[in-house]
Amino acid sequence: MAIYTKTGDKGSTSLANGDRISKADARIEAYGTVDELNSWIGLLRAALRDETRWIDVDAQLRWLQNKLFNLGAALSLAPGEWVSAEDAKQVEQWIDAMQAEVPKQHAFLLPAGGEAVCRCHVCRTICRRAERRMIAVGCAEESMQLMNRISDYLFVLARYIGFCLKEPEEVWQK
């Protein structure tokens, strides 16, 4: 199979159901942003790969990447159940476990710190953008819940990684 089909040369693309739409369509923007988030999570995984203490985090991030692929399939109108309410609950469990380890947050935090922490924050902001794009196309409630939890997860993961690495958090100064 050739990687190039030439069918998109004039600015349109196919959805999973066969419909052709503009590459500038809100639906394409939504799943393109989800794909961007997936790539940035891959970069975050690469930053954590060298230390064995991040094996559980790597498994969680790999799970999230698979769910983001599923979400992309749902956004491209592929038939089937791609995301469930249980997915958001799984992410909540990971959030709760990490929050039990980090100090209580008493102020707004700057998206700053070491490289891995900053990569978490970049992923979080892309996740929020993807969520906004998904709202624009009217995604299913389960998909919206999952994206909202993923952004929460990425914020708490940034705090958790910083805490484990003994990196001080930077508090917003008015």
N, C-alpha and C. Protein backbone atom coordinates (compact mmCIF):
# COMPACT_ATOMS: atom_id res chain seq x y z
N MET A 1 0.85 -1.18 0.00
CA MET A 1 0.00 0.00 0.00
C MET A 1 0.89 1.24 0.00
N ALA A 2 0.67 2.13 -0.90
CA ALA A 2 1.44 3.38 -0.97
C ALA A 2 0.99 4.32 0.12
N ILE A 3 1.92 5.04 0.73
CA ILE A 3 1.59 6.02 1.76
C ILE A 3 0.89 7.22 1.15
N TYR A 4 1.18 7.49 -0.10
CA TYR A 4 0.54 8.63 -0.76
C TYR A 4 -0.58 8.13 -1.67
N THR A 5 -1.74 8.75 -1.49
CA THR A 5 -2.90 8.39 -2.31
C THR A 5 -3.26 9.49 -3.30
N LYS A 6 -2.77 10.68 -3.05
CA LYS A 6 -3.02 11.87 -3.87
C LYS A 6 -4.47 12.35 -3.78
N THR A 7 -5.30 11.66 -2.98
CA THR A 7 -6.70 12.06 -2.87
C THR A 7 -6.87 13.33 -2.04
N GLY A 8 -5.88 13.69 -1.25
CA GLY A 8 -5.96 14.89 -0.43
C GLY A 8 -5.23 16.08 -1.00
N ASP A 9 -4.77 15.96 -2.22
CA ASP A 9 -3.97 17.03 -2.83
C ASP A 9 -4.72 18.34 -3.00
N LYS A 10 -6.03 18.29 -3.02
CA LYS A 10 -6.82 19.51 -3.22
C LYS A 10 -7.49 19.97 -1.92
N GLY A 11 -7.00 19.46 -0.78
CA GLY A 11 -7.48 19.98 0.51
C GLY A 11 -8.64 19.25 1.13
N SER A 12 -8.94 18.04 0.68
CA SER A 12 -10.00 17.27 1.32
C SER A 12 -9.41 15.96 1.84
N THR A 13 -10.16 15.33 2.72
CA THR A 13 -9.73 14.06 3.29
C THR A 13 -10.96 13.20 3.53
N SER A 14 -10.75 11.92 3.77
CA SER A 14 -11.85 11.00 4.02
C SER A 14 -12.01 10.73 5.50
N LEU A 15 -13.24 10.68 5.94
CA LEU A 15 -13.56 10.20 7.28
C LEU A 15 -13.66 8.67 7.22
N ALA A 16 -13.74 8.04 8.37
CA ALA A 16 -13.81 6.59 8.41
C ALA A 16 -15.07 6.05 7.74
N ASN A 17 -16.13 6.87 7.70
CA ASN A 17 -17.37 6.41 7.06
C ASN A 17 -17.36 6.64 5.54
N GLY A 18 -16.25 7.16 5.00
CA GLY A 18 -16.12 7.36 3.56
C GLY A 18 -16.44 8.77 3.09
N ASP A 19 -17.08 9.58 3.93
CA ASP A 19 -17.37 10.95 3.53
C ASP A 19 -16.08 11.73 3.33
N ARG A 20 -16.05 12.58 2.32
CA ARG A 20 -14.91 13.46 2.08
C ARG A 20 -15.27 14.84 2.62
N ILE A 21 -14.35 15.42 3.38
CA ILE A 21 -14.57 16.76 3.92
C ILE A 21 -13.28 17.56 3.81
N SER A 22 -13.41 18.85 3.99
CA SER A 22 -12.25 19.74 3.93
C SER A 22 -11.29 19.43 5.07
N LYS A 23 -10.01 19.53 4.80
CA LYS A 23 -9.01 19.35 5.85
C LYS A 23 -9.08 20.48 6.88
N ALA A 24 -9.81 21.55 6.55
CA ALA A 24 -10.00 22.66 7.49
C ALA A 24 -11.26 22.49 8.34
N ASP A 25 -11.99 21.41 8.17
CA ASP A 25 -13.21 21.15 8.92
C ASP A 25 -12.91 21.01 10.42
N ALA A 26 -13.87 21.43 11.25
CA ALA A 26 -13.70 21.36 12.71
C ALA A 26 -13.43 19.94 13.19
N ARG A 27 -14.02 18.95 12.54
CA ARG A 27 -13.80 17.55 12.95
C ARG A 27 -12.35 17.14 12.71
N ILE A 28 -11.78 17.56 11.59
CA ILE A 28 -10.38 17.24 11.29
C ILE A 28 -9.48 17.97 12.28
N GLU A 29 -9.82 19.21 12.59
CA GLU A 29 -9.06 19.97 13.59
C GLU A 29 -9.10 19.27 14.94
N ALA A 30 -10.25 18.72 15.30
CA ALA A 30 -10.39 18.03 16.59
C ALA A 30 -9.50 16.79 16.64
N TYR A 31 -9.62 15.90 15.64
CA TYR A 31 -8.81 14.69 15.77
C TYR A 31 -7.36 14.93 15.42
N GLY A 32 -7.07 15.99 14.68
CA GLY A 32 -5.68 16.37 14.47
C GLY A 32 -5.03 16.84 15.76
N THR A 33 -5.78 17.56 16.58
CA THR A 33 -5.25 18.02 17.87
C THR A 33 -5.10 16.86 18.84
N VAL A 34 -6.01 15.91 18.79
CA VAL A 34 -5.85 14.69 19.61
C VAL A 34 -4.60 13.94 19.17
N ASP A 35 -4.35 13.88 17.88
CA ASP A 35 -3.14 13.22 17.35
C ASP A 35 -1.89 13.98 17.81
N GLU A 36 -1.95 15.30 17.79
CA GLU A 36 -0.82 16.11 18.28
C GLU A 36 -0.54 15.81 19.74
N LEU A 37 -1.59 15.74 20.54
CA LEU A 37 -1.43 15.39 21.96
C LEU A 37 -0.77 14.02 22.09
N ASN A 38 -1.22 13.07 21.31
CA ASN A 38 -0.67 11.72 21.35
C ASN A 38 0.83 11.74 21.07
N SER A 39 1.24 12.54 20.10
CA SER A 39 2.67 12.65 19.76
C SER A 39 3.46 13.28 20.89
N TRP A 40 2.91 14.32 21.50
CA TRP A 40 3.59 14.97 22.63
C TRP A 40 3.70 14.03 23.83
N ILE A 41 2.69 13.19 24.04
CA ILE A 41 2.79 12.20 25.12
C ILE A 41 3.90 11.22 24.81
N GLY A 42 4.06 10.86 23.55
CA GLY A 42 5.20 10.02 23.17
C GLY A 42 6.52 10.67 23.50
N LEU A 43 6.63 11.98 23.29
CA LEU A 43 7.84 12.71 23.63
C LEU A 43 8.04 12.75 25.15
N LEU A 44 6.97 12.89 25.89
CA LEU A 44 7.04 12.83 27.36
C LEU A 44 7.54 11.46 27.80
N ARG A 45 7.01 10.41 27.20
CA ARG A 45 7.47 9.05 27.54
C ARG A 45 8.97 8.90 27.29
N ALA A 46 9.44 9.48 26.19
CA ALA A 46 10.87 9.40 25.87
C ALA A 46 11.71 10.08 26.95
N ALA A 47 11.21 11.17 27.51
CA ALA A 47 11.94 11.88 28.57
C ALA A 47 12.01 11.07 29.86
N LEU A 48 11.06 10.17 30.05
CA LEU A 48 10.99 9.38 31.29
C LEU A 48 11.58 7.98 31.14
N ARG A 49 11.92 7.60 29.94
CA ARG A 49 12.28 6.23 29.63
C ARG A 49 13.54 5.73 30.34
N ASP A 50 14.47 6.60 30.67
CA ASP A 50 15.77 6.17 31.19
C ASP A 50 15.77 5.76 32.65
N GLU A 51 14.68 6.01 33.36
CA GLU A 51 14.66 5.67 34.79
C GLU A 51 13.60 4.62 35.08
N THR A 52 13.98 3.59 35.81
CA THR A 52 13.05 2.51 36.10
C THR A 52 11.92 2.95 37.02
N ARG A 53 12.10 4.04 37.77
CA ARG A 53 11.02 4.46 38.67
C ARG A 53 9.78 4.91 37.91
N TRP A 54 9.90 5.15 36.60
CA TRP A 54 8.76 5.64 35.82
C TRP A 54 8.07 4.54 35.03
N ILE A 55 8.35 3.27 35.35
CA ILE A 55 7.75 2.17 34.60
C ILE A 55 6.22 2.22 34.67
N ASP A 56 5.67 2.45 35.86
CA ASP A 56 4.21 2.53 35.99
C ASP A 56 3.65 3.72 35.23
N VAL A 57 4.33 4.86 35.30
CA VAL A 57 3.89 6.05 34.57
C VAL A 57 3.95 5.78 33.08
N ASP A 58 4.99 5.13 32.61
CA ASP A 58 5.10 4.81 31.19
C ASP A 58 3.94 3.93 30.74
N ALA A 59 3.58 2.96 31.56
CA ALA A 59 2.45 2.08 31.21
C ALA A 59 1.15 2.89 31.16
N GLN A 60 0.97 3.81 32.08
CA GLN A 60 -0.22 4.67 32.08
C GLN A 60 -0.25 5.54 30.83
N LEU A 61 0.88 6.13 30.49
CA LEU A 61 0.94 6.99 29.31
C LEU A 61 0.71 6.19 28.02
N ARG A 62 1.23 4.98 27.97
CA ARG A 62 0.99 4.11 26.81
C ARG A 62 -0.50 3.79 26.70
N TRP A 63 -1.15 3.52 27.83
CA TRP A 63 -2.59 3.26 27.86
C TRP A 63 -3.34 4.49 27.34
N LEU A 64 -2.93 5.68 27.81
CA LEU A 64 -3.56 6.91 27.34
C LEU A 64 -3.38 7.10 25.84
N GLN A 65 -2.19 6.78 25.34
CA GLN A 65 -1.96 6.91 23.89
C GLN A 65 -2.92 6.02 23.10
N ASN A 66 -3.13 4.81 23.57
CA ASN A 66 -4.07 3.91 22.90
C ASN A 66 -5.50 4.47 22.95
N LYS A 67 -5.88 5.02 24.09
CA LYS A 67 -7.21 5.62 24.23
C LYS A 67 -7.35 6.84 23.32
N LEU A 68 -6.28 7.62 23.18
CA LEU A 68 -6.33 8.77 22.28
C LEU A 68 -6.49 8.32 20.83
N PHE A 69 -5.87 7.20 20.46
CA PHE A 69 -6.08 6.65 19.12
C PHE A 69 -7.54 6.26 18.96
N ASN A 70 -8.12 5.64 19.99
CA ASN A 70 -9.53 5.28 19.95
C ASN A 70 -10.40 6.53 19.78
N LEU A 71 -10.03 7.57 20.50
CA LEU A 71 -10.78 8.81 20.42
C LEU A 71 -10.70 9.40 19.01
N GLY A 72 -9.54 9.32 18.40
CA GLY A 72 -9.39 9.76 17.02
C GLY A 72 -10.30 8.98 16.08
N ALA A 73 -10.40 7.68 16.32
CA ALA A 73 -11.30 6.85 15.50
C ALA A 73 -12.75 7.29 15.67
N ALA A 74 -13.13 7.56 16.91
CA ALA A 74 -14.50 8.03 17.16
C ALA A 74 -14.74 9.37 16.48
N LEU A 75 -13.76 10.26 16.54
CA LEU A 75 -13.90 11.57 15.92
C LEU A 75 -13.96 11.48 14.40
N SER A 76 -13.35 10.44 13.83
CA SER A 76 -13.41 10.27 12.38
C SER A 76 -14.64 9.48 11.95
N LEU A 77 -15.56 9.29 12.90
CA LEU A 77 -16.85 8.64 12.64
C LEU A 77 -16.75 7.16 12.30
N ALA A 78 -15.73 6.50 12.85
CA ALA A 78 -15.65 5.05 12.68
C ALA A 78 -16.72 4.40 13.57
N PRO A 79 -17.45 3.45 13.04
CA PRO A 79 -18.50 2.82 13.87
C PRO A 79 -17.88 2.01 15.01
N GLY A 80 -18.59 1.97 16.12
CA GLY A 80 -18.13 1.17 17.25
C GLY A 80 -18.02 2.00 18.51
N GLU A 81 -17.86 1.30 19.61
CA GLU A 81 -17.68 1.93 20.92
C GLU A 81 -16.19 2.10 21.17
N TRP A 82 -15.71 3.32 21.18
CA TRP A 82 -14.27 3.57 21.27
C TRP A 82 -13.84 4.04 22.64
N VAL A 83 -14.72 4.70 23.37
CA VAL A 83 -14.40 5.26 24.69
C VAL A 83 -15.57 4.93 25.61
N SER A 84 -15.25 4.59 26.87
CA SER A 84 -16.32 4.28 27.83
C SER A 84 -16.15 5.11 29.09
N ALA A 85 -17.18 5.15 29.90
CA ALA A 85 -17.14 5.86 31.18
C ALA A 85 -16.08 5.25 32.09
N GLU A 86 -15.80 3.96 31.92
CA GLU A 86 -14.78 3.30 32.73
C GLU A 86 -13.38 3.85 32.46
N ASP A 87 -13.16 4.34 31.27
CA ASP A 87 -11.85 4.91 30.94
C ASP A 87 -11.54 6.11 31.83
N ALA A 88 -12.50 7.01 31.99
CA ALA A 88 -12.31 8.18 32.85
C ALA A 88 -12.09 7.75 34.29
N LYS A 89 -12.78 6.71 34.73
CA LYS A 89 -12.62 6.22 36.10
C LYS A 89 -11.21 5.66 36.33
N GLN A 90 -10.67 5.01 35.32
CA GLN A 90 -9.30 4.49 35.43
C GLN A 90 -8.32 5.65 35.63
N VAL A 91 -8.48 6.70 34.85
CA VAL A 91 -7.59 7.86 34.96
C VAL A 91 -7.75 8.52 36.34
N GLU A 92 -8.97 8.57 36.85
CA GLU A 92 -9.21 9.13 38.19
C GLU A 92 -8.44 8.34 39.26
N GLN A 93 -8.38 7.04 39.11
CA GLN A 93 -7.63 6.22 40.08
C GLN A 93 -6.15 6.58 40.07
N TRP A 94 -5.59 6.80 38.88
CA TRP A 94 -4.19 7.19 38.79
C TRP A 94 -3.97 8.57 39.39
N ILE A 95 -4.89 9.48 39.12
CA ILE A 95 -4.79 10.82 39.69
C ILE A 95 -4.81 10.74 41.21
N ASP A 96 -5.76 10.00 41.76
CA ASP A 96 -5.88 9.88 43.22
C ASP A 96 -4.61 9.30 43.84
N ALA A 97 -4.04 8.30 43.19
CA ALA A 97 -2.81 7.68 43.72
C ALA A 97 -1.65 8.68 43.74
N MET A 98 -1.50 9.46 42.68
CA MET A 98 -0.42 10.44 42.65
C MET A 98 -0.67 11.57 43.64
N GLN A 99 -1.92 12.01 43.74
CA GLN A 99 -2.22 13.11 44.66
C GLN A 99 -1.99 12.71 46.11
N ALA A 100 -2.10 11.44 46.39
CA ALA A 100 -1.82 10.97 47.76
C ALA A 100 -0.34 11.12 48.11
N GLU A 101 0.51 11.24 47.09
CA GLU A 101 1.95 11.33 47.30
C GLU A 101 2.47 12.77 47.37
N VAL A 102 1.85 13.67 46.65
CA VAL A 102 2.37 15.04 46.54
C VAL A 102 1.78 15.92 47.65
N PRO A 103 2.49 16.99 48.02
CA PRO A 103 1.95 17.91 49.03
C PRO A 103 0.67 18.58 48.52
N LYS A 104 -0.17 18.97 49.44
CA LYS A 104 -1.40 19.67 49.10
C LYS A 104 -1.06 20.98 48.40
N GLN A 105 -1.82 21.30 47.38
CA GLN A 105 -1.59 22.52 46.61
C GLN A 105 -2.34 23.67 47.27
N HIS A 106 -1.64 24.78 47.51
CA HIS A 106 -2.25 25.93 48.18
C HIS A 106 -2.25 27.19 47.32
N ALA A 107 -1.74 27.11 46.10
CA ALA A 107 -1.65 28.29 45.25
C ALA A 107 -1.65 27.85 43.79
N PHE A 108 -1.85 28.80 42.91
CA PHE A 108 -1.70 28.52 41.49
C PHE A 108 -0.23 28.31 41.19
N LEU A 109 0.05 27.36 40.31
CA LEU A 109 1.43 27.02 39.98
C LEU A 109 1.75 27.43 38.55
N LEU A 110 2.96 27.90 38.34
CA LEU A 110 3.42 28.19 36.99
C LEU A 110 3.75 26.87 36.29
N PRO A 111 3.51 26.80 35.00
CA PRO A 111 3.89 25.59 34.25
C PRO A 111 5.39 25.61 34.01
N ALA A 112 6.15 25.28 35.04
CA ALA A 112 7.61 25.38 34.99
C ALA A 112 8.22 24.23 35.78
N GLY A 113 9.51 24.05 35.59
CA GLY A 113 10.24 23.01 36.30
C GLY A 113 11.25 22.38 35.37
N GLY A 114 11.58 21.15 35.65
CA GLY A 114 12.51 20.42 34.80
C GLY A 114 11.85 20.03 33.48
N GLU A 115 12.64 19.39 32.62
CA GLU A 115 12.15 19.07 31.28
C GLU A 115 10.91 18.18 31.30
N ALA A 116 10.91 17.13 32.08
CA ALA A 116 9.76 16.22 32.10
C ALA A 116 8.51 16.93 32.63
N VAL A 117 8.67 17.75 33.65
CA VAL A 117 7.55 18.50 34.20
C VAL A 117 6.98 19.44 33.13
N CYS A 118 7.86 20.14 32.44
CA CYS A 118 7.41 21.07 31.40
C CYS A 118 6.74 20.34 30.25
N ARG A 119 7.22 19.16 29.91
CA ARG A 119 6.57 18.38 28.85
C ARG A 119 5.16 17.98 29.28
N CYS A 120 4.97 17.67 30.55
CA CYS A 120 3.63 17.38 31.06
C CYS A 120 2.71 18.58 30.85
N HIS A 121 3.23 19.77 31.14
CA HIS A 121 2.41 20.97 31.00
C HIS A 121 2.09 21.27 29.53
N VAL A 122 3.03 21.03 28.63
CA VAL A 122 2.74 21.20 27.20
C VAL A 122 1.64 20.21 26.80
N CYS A 123 1.75 18.97 27.22
CA CYS A 123 0.72 17.98 26.92
C CYS A 123 -0.63 18.42 27.49
N ARG A 124 -0.62 18.93 28.69
CA ARG A 124 -1.87 19.37 29.33
C ARG A 124 -2.54 20.49 28.53
N THR A 125 -1.76 21.45 28.07
CA THR A 125 -2.37 22.57 27.33
C THR A 125 -2.87 22.11 25.96
N ILE A 126 -2.18 21.19 25.33
CA ILE A 126 -2.67 20.64 24.05
C ILE A 126 -3.94 19.83 24.30
N CYS A 127 -3.99 19.12 25.42
CA CYS A 127 -5.18 18.36 25.77
C CYS A 127 -6.38 19.29 25.94
N ARG A 128 -6.17 20.42 26.59
CA ARG A 128 -7.25 21.39 26.77
C ARG A 128 -7.71 21.95 25.42
N ARG A 129 -6.77 22.19 24.51
CA ARG A 129 -7.14 22.66 23.17
C ARG A 129 -7.94 21.58 22.44
N ALA A 130 -7.50 20.34 22.54
CA ALA A 130 -8.23 19.24 21.91
C ALA A 130 -9.65 19.16 22.47
N GLU A 131 -9.77 19.35 23.76
CA GLU A 131 -11.09 19.31 24.40
C GLU A 131 -11.99 20.42 23.83
N ARG A 132 -11.44 21.61 23.65
CA ARG A 132 -12.22 22.70 23.07
C ARG A 132 -12.65 22.37 21.64
N ARG A 133 -11.75 21.77 20.88
CA ARG A 133 -12.07 21.39 19.50
C ARG A 133 -13.16 20.31 19.48
N MET A 134 -13.09 19.40 20.44
CA MET A 134 -14.09 18.34 20.51
C MET A 134 -15.46 18.89 20.86
N ILE A 135 -15.52 19.88 21.71
CA ILE A 135 -16.79 20.51 22.05
C ILE A 135 -17.42 21.09 20.78
N ALA A 136 -16.60 21.67 19.93
CA ALA A 136 -17.09 22.30 18.70
C ALA A 136 -17.77 21.31 17.76
N VAL A 137 -17.41 20.03 17.83
CA VAL A 137 -18.03 19.04 16.94
C VAL A 137 -19.05 18.17 17.67
N GLY A 138 -19.29 18.47 18.95
CA GLY A 138 -20.33 17.75 19.68
C GLY A 138 -20.01 16.31 19.99
N CYS A 139 -18.89 16.08 20.65
CA CYS A 139 -18.47 14.72 20.99
C CYS A 139 -19.35 14.12 22.08
N ALA A 140 -19.32 12.81 22.16
CA ALA A 140 -20.06 12.07 23.18
C ALA A 140 -19.55 12.42 24.58
N GLU A 141 -20.42 12.32 25.54
CA GLU A 141 -20.09 12.67 26.93
C GLU A 141 -18.89 11.88 27.45
N GLU A 142 -18.82 10.60 27.14
CA GLU A 142 -17.71 9.77 27.61
C GLU A 142 -16.38 10.27 27.07
N SER A 143 -16.37 10.71 25.82
CA SER A 143 -15.15 11.24 25.22
C SER A 143 -14.73 12.53 25.91
N MET A 144 -15.70 13.38 26.18
CA MET A 144 -15.39 14.65 26.84
C MET A 144 -14.88 14.41 28.26
N GLN A 145 -15.49 13.47 28.97
CA GLN A 145 -15.04 13.15 30.32
C GLN A 145 -13.60 12.65 30.30
N LEU A 146 -13.29 11.77 29.36
CA LEU A 146 -11.95 11.22 29.28
C LEU A 146 -10.93 12.34 29.03
N MET A 147 -11.21 13.22 28.08
CA MET A 147 -10.27 14.30 27.80
C MET A 147 -10.08 15.21 29.00
N ASN A 148 -11.16 15.50 29.70
CA ASN A 148 -11.06 16.34 30.89
C ASN A 148 -10.19 15.67 31.96
N ARG A 149 -10.36 14.37 32.14
CA ARG A 149 -9.54 13.64 33.11
C ARG A 149 -8.09 13.56 32.67
N ILE A 150 -7.85 13.40 31.38
CA ILE A 150 -6.47 13.34 30.90
C ILE A 150 -5.75 14.64 31.20
N SER A 151 -6.41 15.77 31.00
CA SER A 151 -5.74 17.04 31.31
C SER A 151 -5.47 17.16 32.81
N ASP A 152 -6.41 16.72 33.64
CA ASP A 152 -6.18 16.70 35.09
C ASP A 152 -5.01 15.79 35.44
N TYR A 153 -4.99 14.62 34.81
CA TYR A 153 -3.91 13.65 35.02
C TYR A 153 -2.56 14.28 34.69
N LEU A 154 -2.48 14.97 33.57
CA LEU A 154 -1.21 15.55 33.15
C LEU A 154 -0.75 16.65 34.10
N PHE A 155 -1.68 17.40 34.67
CA PHE A 155 -1.31 18.40 35.67
C PHE A 155 -0.76 17.73 36.92
N VAL A 156 -1.47 16.71 37.40
CA VAL A 156 -1.02 16.01 38.61
C VAL A 156 0.27 15.25 38.33
N LEU A 157 0.41 14.70 37.14
CA LEU A 157 1.65 14.01 36.78
C LEU A 157 2.83 14.98 36.82
N ALA A 158 2.63 16.20 36.34
CA ALA A 158 3.70 17.21 36.41
C ALA A 158 4.11 17.44 37.86
N ARG A 159 3.14 17.59 38.73
CA ARG A 159 3.44 17.78 40.16
C ARG A 159 4.13 16.55 40.74
N TYR A 160 3.66 15.36 40.39
CA TYR A 160 4.21 14.12 40.91
C TYR A 160 5.66 13.92 40.47
N ILE A 161 5.92 14.15 39.20
CA ILE A 161 7.29 14.01 38.69
C ILE A 161 8.21 15.01 39.38
N GLY A 162 7.76 16.26 39.47
CA GLY A 162 8.56 17.27 40.15
C GLY A 162 8.83 16.91 41.59
N PHE A 163 7.82 16.38 42.27
CA PHE A 163 7.97 15.97 43.67
C PHE A 163 8.98 14.83 43.79
N CYS A 164 8.86 13.82 42.93
CA CYS A 164 9.78 12.68 42.97
C CYS A 164 11.22 13.10 42.66
N LEU A 165 11.37 14.10 41.80
CA LEU A 165 12.70 14.58 41.42
C LEU A 165 13.20 15.70 42.35
N LYS A 166 12.38 16.02 43.36
CA LYS A 166 12.73 17.07 44.33
C LYS A 166 12.93 18.43 43.65
N GLU A 167 12.10 18.70 42.65
CA GLU A 167 12.12 20.00 41.98
C GLU A 167 11.08 20.90 42.65
N PRO A 168 11.47 22.08 43.07
CA PRO A 168 10.48 22.96 43.72
C PRO A 168 9.44 23.46 42.72
N GLU A 169 8.20 23.56 43.19
CA GLU A 169 7.15 24.12 42.35
C GLU A 169 7.26 25.64 42.36
N GLU A 170 6.94 26.24 41.23
CA GLU A 170 6.98 27.70 41.14
C GLU A 170 5.57 28.24 41.27
N VAL A 171 5.35 29.03 42.30
CA VAL A 171 4.04 29.59 42.60
C VAL A 171 3.84 30.88 41.83
N TRP A 172 2.64 31.06 41.31
CA TRP A 172 2.30 32.29 40.61
C TRP A 172 2.35 33.46 41.59
N GLN A 173 3.03 34.51 41.17
CA GLN A 173 3.11 35.73 41.96
C GLN A 173 2.35 36.82 41.25
N LYS A 174 1.36 37.36 41.90
CA LYS A 174 0.50 38.38 41.32
C LYS A 174 1.25 39.66 41.03
